[in-house]
Amino acid sequence: MSLQDFGTISPQDAERLSERQINWWLEYRKIKNEQGHPLDFRQHLFLYDIYADFSPLLVCKKAAQVGFSTLAILKTLWAARYLGMDIIYTLPTDSDVGSFVGSKVNRIVAQNPILQEYVKDRDTIEQKRVGAQIIYYRGTFTNRAALMVSSDLNVHDEVDRSNQANVAAYASRLQHSKHQWQWYFSNPSTPTNGVGKLWEESDKREWVIQCGTCKAPQTLMWPSSIDPEQERYRCIHCDATLSDDDRRVGIWRPTGEGKYSGYHISLLMAPWTPAAKVLELERSKAPDYFANFVLGEPYALTDL
């Protein structure tokens, strides 16, 4: 959705749209990341629909450095403000919480005047009051932290590196909520842990692109979508070179059925990642690292 789609509208109508659609809010309020740069959906088009997805149950298995932390921060701030939700946001350790809130959350708030209006306790680490609601930031390696507060939405970031027993314990904090939403995001680890396990209970959405030459739809896959000799992305149907724009533009298509809304993000989808970089990572990194952090896939000893 773009501002020009609406022509000239009143501030009251613009605010009402902001209350209903996060993607409109992001553009109308000119929301910036922690570095003060406008959100870049041209390079991160695969994130657009995930921003807008407020399914009660959501899971994403993802590669590293794809813009997901910014997405999670902005979605939770918006949900607290406009959906009236108290939120528990977990990371593996208390140290992770301190780094995340200090280097990401507080800086995003500081870069956006509208968020400074929403968030009054901008310098605190363990919680943010957003209007009448609270976002609690917690680690997962202390039992006490899981049992102190109530929640409408639990967001488990980097769940595969978290204490799984305490992640499960946080579900008890949802019992008195009419919402009881749960979102899970992570670089995966193994097929039976974290997002790898939850992915099997999802609708398994994959990013489907179109070859610029033969127009065939396809999902980028390792190793068939990369030509190692010419260090290029290739169409799996006609062998034509896939351009950065071919990889950039796509649609999310479910490939299964399940109770979770599920997304899979790999670096092959990222238009800023050339084939040569993927090949270099495959050569230089351990197989589990390559699977988890580049392909966004769980790794088992029989993989790759």
Protein backbone atom coordinates (compact mmCIF):
# COMPACT_ATOMS: atom_id res chain seq x y z
CA MET A 1 0.00 0.00 0.00
CA SER A 2 1.35 3.40 -0.95
CA LEU A 3 0.50 6.92 0.11
CA GLN A 4 -0.33 7.93 -3.46
CA ASP A 5 -3.02 5.22 -3.59
CA PHE A 6 -5.13 7.36 -1.27
CA GLY A 7 -4.63 10.78 -2.83
CA THR A 8 -5.04 13.61 -0.35
CA ILE A 9 -6.59 12.39 2.88
CA SER A 10 -7.23 14.07 6.16
CA PRO A 11 -4.92 13.57 9.15
CA GLN A 12 -7.83 11.85 10.90
CA ASP A 13 -8.21 9.32 8.09
CA ALA A 14 -4.47 8.79 7.94
CA GLU A 15 -4.40 8.05 11.67
CA ARG A 16 -7.30 5.61 11.34
CA LEU A 17 -5.45 3.76 8.60
CA SER A 18 -2.34 3.70 10.79
CA GLU A 19 -4.38 2.03 13.52
CA ARG A 20 -5.53 -0.74 11.16
CA GLN A 21 -2.62 -1.45 8.82
CA ILE A 22 0.99 -1.57 9.95
CA ASN A 23 2.37 -1.22 6.42
CA TRP A 24 0.46 2.03 5.99
CA TRP A 25 1.74 3.20 9.39
CA LEU A 26 5.35 2.43 8.41
CA GLU A 27 5.10 4.58 5.30
CA TYR A 28 2.87 7.34 6.63
CA ARG A 29 5.07 7.84 9.69
CA LYS A 30 8.26 7.43 7.62
CA ILE A 31 9.56 4.88 10.11
CA LYS A 32 13.35 4.50 10.21
CA ASN A 33 15.65 1.75 11.41
CA GLU A 34 18.14 2.16 14.26
CA GLN A 35 20.65 3.83 11.93
CA GLY A 36 18.14 6.47 10.86
CA HIS A 37 17.59 4.97 7.39
CA PRO A 38 14.05 4.59 5.96
CA LEU A 39 12.84 1.01 5.77
CA ASP A 40 13.92 -0.47 2.44
CA PHE A 41 11.20 -2.69 1.03
CA ARG A 42 12.77 -2.61 -2.42
CA GLN A 43 15.61 -4.80 -1.17
CA HIS A 44 13.49 -6.54 1.47
CA LEU A 45 10.27 -7.10 -0.45
CA PHE A 46 10.00 -10.59 1.08
CA LEU A 47 9.42 -8.93 4.48
CA TYR A 48 6.43 -6.84 3.37
CA ASP A 49 3.79 -9.53 3.84
CA ILE A 50 5.41 -10.76 7.05
CA TYR A 51 5.07 -7.27 8.53
CA ALA A 52 1.35 -7.42 7.71
CA ASP A 53 0.82 -10.96 9.04
CA PHE A 54 -0.77 -10.82 12.48
CA SER A 55 -1.67 -14.48 12.67
CA PRO A 56 -2.03 -15.68 16.27
CA LEU A 57 0.51 -18.45 15.61
CA LEU A 58 3.52 -17.56 13.47
CA VAL A 59 6.91 -19.20 12.85
CA CYS A 60 9.85 -18.12 10.70
CA LYS A 61 13.01 -20.10 10.02
CA LYS A 62 15.49 -17.64 8.61
CA ALA A 63 19.02 -16.92 7.54
CA ALA A 64 21.15 -14.37 9.42
CA GLN A 65 21.07 -10.63 8.75
CA VAL A 66 17.83 -10.35 6.75
CA GLY A 67 16.22 -7.44 8.63
CA PHE A 68 14.08 -9.55 10.93
CA SER A 69 15.02 -7.96 14.26
CA THR A 70 13.82 -4.59 13.02
CA LEU A 71 10.58 -6.20 11.82
CA ALA A 72 9.99 -7.89 15.18
CA ILE A 73 10.64 -4.68 17.14
CA LEU A 74 8.30 -2.59 14.99
CA LYS A 75 5.54 -5.21 14.90
CA THR A 76 5.53 -5.55 18.68
CA LEU A 77 5.54 -1.79 19.26
CA TRP A 78 2.64 -1.42 16.81
CA ALA A 79 0.73 -4.35 18.35
CA ALA A 80 1.11 -2.92 21.84
CA ARG A 81 -0.08 0.51 20.70
CA TYR A 82 -2.89 -0.40 18.31
CA LEU A 83 -3.98 -3.93 19.31
CA GLY A 84 -3.77 -3.17 23.02
CA MET A 85 -1.52 -6.12 23.81
CA ASP A 86 0.83 -6.75 26.71
CA ILE A 87 3.79 -8.60 25.20
CA ILE A 88 6.62 -10.81 26.44
CA TYR A 89 9.60 -10.68 24.09
CA THR A 90 12.26 -13.29 24.83
CA LEU A 91 15.86 -13.74 23.74
CA PRO A 92 18.19 -16.53 24.85
CA THR A 93 20.00 -14.77 27.73
CA ASP A 94 19.77 -11.67 29.88
CA SER A 95 22.94 -10.45 28.17
CA ASP A 96 21.21 -10.83 24.79
CA VAL A 97 18.30 -8.79 26.13
CA GLY A 98 20.63 -5.98 27.21
CA SER A 99 22.37 -5.86 23.84
CA PHE A 100 19.12 -6.12 21.86
CA VAL A 101 17.24 -3.42 23.74
CA GLY A 102 20.22 -1.11 24.02
CA SER A 103 21.50 -1.38 20.47
CA LYS A 104 18.25 -1.97 18.59
CA VAL A 105 15.03 -1.13 20.43
CA ASN A 106 16.17 2.10 22.13
CA ARG A 107 17.88 3.34 18.97
CA ILE A 108 14.80 2.66 16.81
CA VAL A 109 12.65 4.56 19.28
CA ALA A 110 15.16 7.43 19.30
CA GLN A 111 15.10 7.67 15.49
CA ASN A 112 11.30 7.95 15.24
CA PRO A 113 9.37 10.86 16.80
CA ILE A 114 6.09 8.93 16.75
CA LEU A 115 7.67 6.11 18.76
CA GLN A 116 9.03 8.63 21.24
CA GLU A 117 5.41 9.72 21.74
CA TYR A 118 4.33 6.13 22.35
CA VAL A 119 7.22 5.01 24.57
CA LYS A 120 7.82 7.00 27.73
CA ASP A 121 10.40 4.78 29.50
CA ARG A 122 12.83 4.86 26.60
CA ASP A 123 15.99 4.16 28.56
CA THR A 124 14.85 1.05 30.42
CA ILE A 125 16.07 -2.38 29.38
CA GLU A 126 13.60 -4.90 30.82
CA GLN A 127 10.36 -3.26 29.70
CA LYS A 128 8.81 -0.57 27.53
CA ARG A 129 5.48 1.02 28.38
CA VAL A 130 3.64 1.72 25.11
CA GLY A 131 0.58 3.77 26.01
CA ALA A 132 -1.31 1.63 28.52
CA GLN A 133 0.46 -1.58 27.48
CA ILE A 134 3.84 -3.05 28.38
CA ILE A 135 6.42 -4.99 26.39
CA TYR A 136 8.57 -7.11 28.72
CA TYR A 137 12.02 -8.18 27.48
CA ARG A 138 13.20 -11.37 29.11
CA GLY A 139 15.92 -14.01 28.90
CA THR A 140 15.10 -17.72 28.98
CA PHE A 141 17.73 -19.14 31.33
CA THR A 142 16.07 -18.20 34.63
CA ASN A 143 12.82 -19.85 35.71
CA ARG A 144 11.78 -16.83 37.73
CA ALA A 145 11.74 -14.56 34.70
CA ALA A 146 9.11 -16.73 33.02
CA LEU A 147 6.62 -16.56 35.86
CA MET A 148 6.45 -12.89 36.85
CA VAL A 149 4.11 -11.20 34.33
CA SER A 150 1.04 -11.84 32.18
CA SER A 151 0.91 -11.55 28.41
CA ASP A 152 -1.35 -11.44 25.35
CA LEU A 153 1.46 -12.20 22.88
CA ASN A 154 4.70 -14.09 23.45
CA VAL A 155 7.45 -13.41 20.92
CA HIS A 156 10.35 -15.85 21.07
CA ASP A 157 13.32 -14.47 19.13
CA GLU A 158 16.27 -16.81 18.48
CA VAL A 159 14.21 -19.58 20.04
CA ASP A 160 16.61 -22.30 18.87
CA ARG A 161 19.36 -20.86 21.09
CA SER A 162 16.99 -20.43 24.03
CA ASN A 163 16.21 -22.65 27.02
CA GLN A 164 13.40 -24.76 25.57
CA ALA A 165 11.84 -25.67 28.92
CA ASN A 166 11.55 -22.04 29.92
CA VAL A 167 10.25 -21.02 26.49
CA ALA A 168 7.46 -23.55 27.07
CA ALA A 169 6.90 -22.15 30.58
CA TYR A 170 6.17 -18.71 29.15
CA ALA A 171 2.98 -20.13 27.61
CA SER A 172 1.46 -20.15 31.10
CA ARG A 173 1.62 -16.34 31.05
CA LEU A 174 -1.03 -16.35 28.28
CA GLN A 175 -3.72 -18.27 30.16
CA HIS A 176 -5.89 -15.30 31.12
CA SER A 177 -5.61 -13.50 27.78
CA LYS A 178 -8.35 -13.50 25.15
CA HIS A 179 -5.58 -13.49 22.51
CA GLN A 180 -2.93 -16.07 23.55
CA TRP A 181 -0.74 -15.40 20.51
CA GLN A 182 2.69 -16.97 20.04
CA TRP A 183 5.35 -16.01 17.47
CA TYR A 184 8.64 -17.86 16.99
CA PHE A 185 11.62 -16.59 14.95
CA SER A 186 15.13 -18.01 14.67
CA ASN A 187 18.06 -19.18 12.67
CA PRO A 188 17.20 -22.89 12.86
CA SER A 189 19.31 -25.57 14.50
CA THR A 190 18.08 -29.14 14.07
CA PRO A 191 14.86 -30.52 12.54
CA THR A 192 13.47 -31.57 15.94
CA ASN A 193 14.19 -28.31 17.80
CA GLY A 194 12.70 -24.80 17.82
CA VAL A 195 11.58 -23.41 14.49
CA GLY A 196 12.55 -26.59 12.66
CA LYS A 197 10.00 -28.52 14.68
CA LEU A 198 7.32 -25.81 14.56
CA TRP A 199 7.83 -25.38 10.80
CA GLU A 200 6.38 -28.87 10.36
CA GLU A 201 3.17 -27.61 12.02
CA SER A 202 2.90 -24.62 9.64
CA ASP A 203 1.63 -23.91 6.14
CA LYS A 204 5.30 -23.77 5.01
CA ARG A 205 5.32 -20.64 2.86
CA GLU A 206 8.13 -20.34 0.34
CA TRP A 207 9.17 -17.29 -1.71
CA VAL A 208 8.19 -18.03 -5.32
CA ILE A 209 9.89 -15.97 -8.03
CA GLN A 210 9.61 -15.95 -11.82
CA CYS A 211 12.40 -16.45 -14.34
CA GLY A 212 12.81 -13.32 -16.45
CA THR A 213 13.46 -15.47 -19.54
CA CYS A 214 11.09 -18.45 -19.52
CA LYS A 215 8.66 -16.99 -16.94
CA ALA A 216 8.59 -20.25 -14.99
CA PRO A 217 7.76 -19.89 -11.27
CA GLN A 218 10.24 -21.43 -8.85
CA THR A 219 11.67 -21.36 -5.36
CA LEU A 220 15.40 -20.70 -5.01
CA MET A 221 17.08 -23.86 -3.73
CA TRP A 222 20.56 -25.03 -2.87
CA PRO A 223 22.43 -26.24 -4.85
CA SER A 224 20.23 -26.38 -7.97
CA SER A 225 19.62 -22.60 -8.22
CA ILE A 226 23.33 -21.71 -8.37
CA ASP A 227 25.80 -22.39 -11.18
CA PRO A 228 29.15 -22.91 -9.39
CA GLU A 229 31.23 -22.60 -12.55
CA GLN A 230 29.90 -19.20 -13.60
CA GLU A 231 29.01 -18.10 -10.04
CA ARG A 232 25.49 -17.04 -10.97
CA TYR A 233 21.92 -17.76 -10.01
CA ARG A 234 20.23 -19.94 -12.61
CA CYS A 235 16.67 -20.85 -13.58
CA ILE A 236 16.07 -24.49 -12.67
CA HIS A 237 13.89 -24.84 -15.79
CA CYS A 238 15.72 -23.12 -18.67
CA ASP A 239 19.18 -22.45 -17.13
CA ALA A 240 18.95 -18.71 -17.90
CA THR A 241 20.66 -16.35 -15.46
CA LEU A 242 18.36 -15.02 -12.75
CA SER A 243 18.89 -11.31 -12.19
CA ASP A 244 18.81 -9.59 -8.82
CA ASP A 245 15.38 -8.23 -9.77
CA ASP A 246 14.18 -11.74 -10.61
CA ARG A 247 15.12 -12.82 -7.08
CA ARG A 248 13.85 -9.63 -5.45
CA VAL A 249 10.24 -9.86 -6.67
CA GLY A 250 8.13 -12.81 -5.63
CA ILE A 251 5.09 -14.00 -3.72
CA TRP A 252 4.71 -16.13 -0.61
CA ARG A 253 3.03 -19.42 -1.47
CA PRO A 254 1.95 -22.04 1.10
CA THR A 255 3.33 -25.50 0.37
CA GLY A 256 1.55 -27.31 3.19
CA GLU A 257 -1.14 -27.08 5.83
CA GLY A 258 -0.77 -26.39 9.53
CA LYS A 259 -1.87 -24.23 12.44
CA TYR A 260 1.11 -21.86 12.19
CA SER A 261 1.64 -19.21 9.54
CA GLY A 262 5.13 -20.25 8.43
CA TYR A 263 7.86 -18.46 6.46
CA HIS A 264 11.28 -19.61 5.24
CA ILE A 265 13.92 -16.96 4.43
CA SER A 266 17.29 -17.89 2.93
CA LEU A 267 20.12 -15.66 1.71
CA LEU A 268 19.42 -16.95 -1.81
CA MET A 269 16.33 -14.71 -1.72
CA ALA A 270 18.30 -11.64 -0.67
CA PRO A 271 19.07 -9.52 -3.77
CA TRP A 272 22.17 -8.07 -2.09
CA THR A 273 23.76 -11.54 -1.77
CA PRO A 274 25.58 -12.60 -4.99
CA ALA A 275 25.96 -16.26 -5.91
CA ALA A 276 29.73 -15.95 -5.42
CA LYS A 277 29.17 -15.03 -1.77
CA VAL A 278 26.94 -18.04 -1.18
CA LEU A 279 29.55 -20.31 -2.78
CA GLU A 280 32.31 -18.76 -0.66
CA LEU A 281 30.29 -19.33 2.51
CA GLU A 282 29.65 -22.93 1.52
CA ARG A 283 33.39 -23.49 1.08
CA SER A 284 34.54 -21.65 4.19
CA LYS A 285 31.92 -22.48 6.82
CA ALA A 286 30.98 -25.69 8.57
CA PRO A 287 27.99 -27.53 7.10
CA ASP A 288 25.72 -26.76 10.05
CA TYR A 289 26.60 -23.05 9.90
CA PHE A 290 25.88 -22.95 6.15
CA ALA A 291 22.54 -24.69 6.58
CA ASN A 292 21.38 -22.66 9.60
CA PHE A 293 22.67 -19.16 8.85
CA VAL A 294 22.82 -19.08 5.03
CA LEU A 295 20.06 -21.41 3.87
CA GLY A 296 17.81 -20.84 6.88
CA GLU A 297 17.38 -24.60 7.21
CA PRO A 298 17.75 -27.03 10.11
CA TYR A 299 20.81 -29.27 9.94
CA ALA A 300 21.10 -32.96 10.60
CA LEU A 301 24.26 -35.03 10.21
CA THR A 302 22.85 -36.57 7.03
CA ASP A 303 22.25 -33.14 5.41
CA LEU A 304 24.28 -31.58 2.60
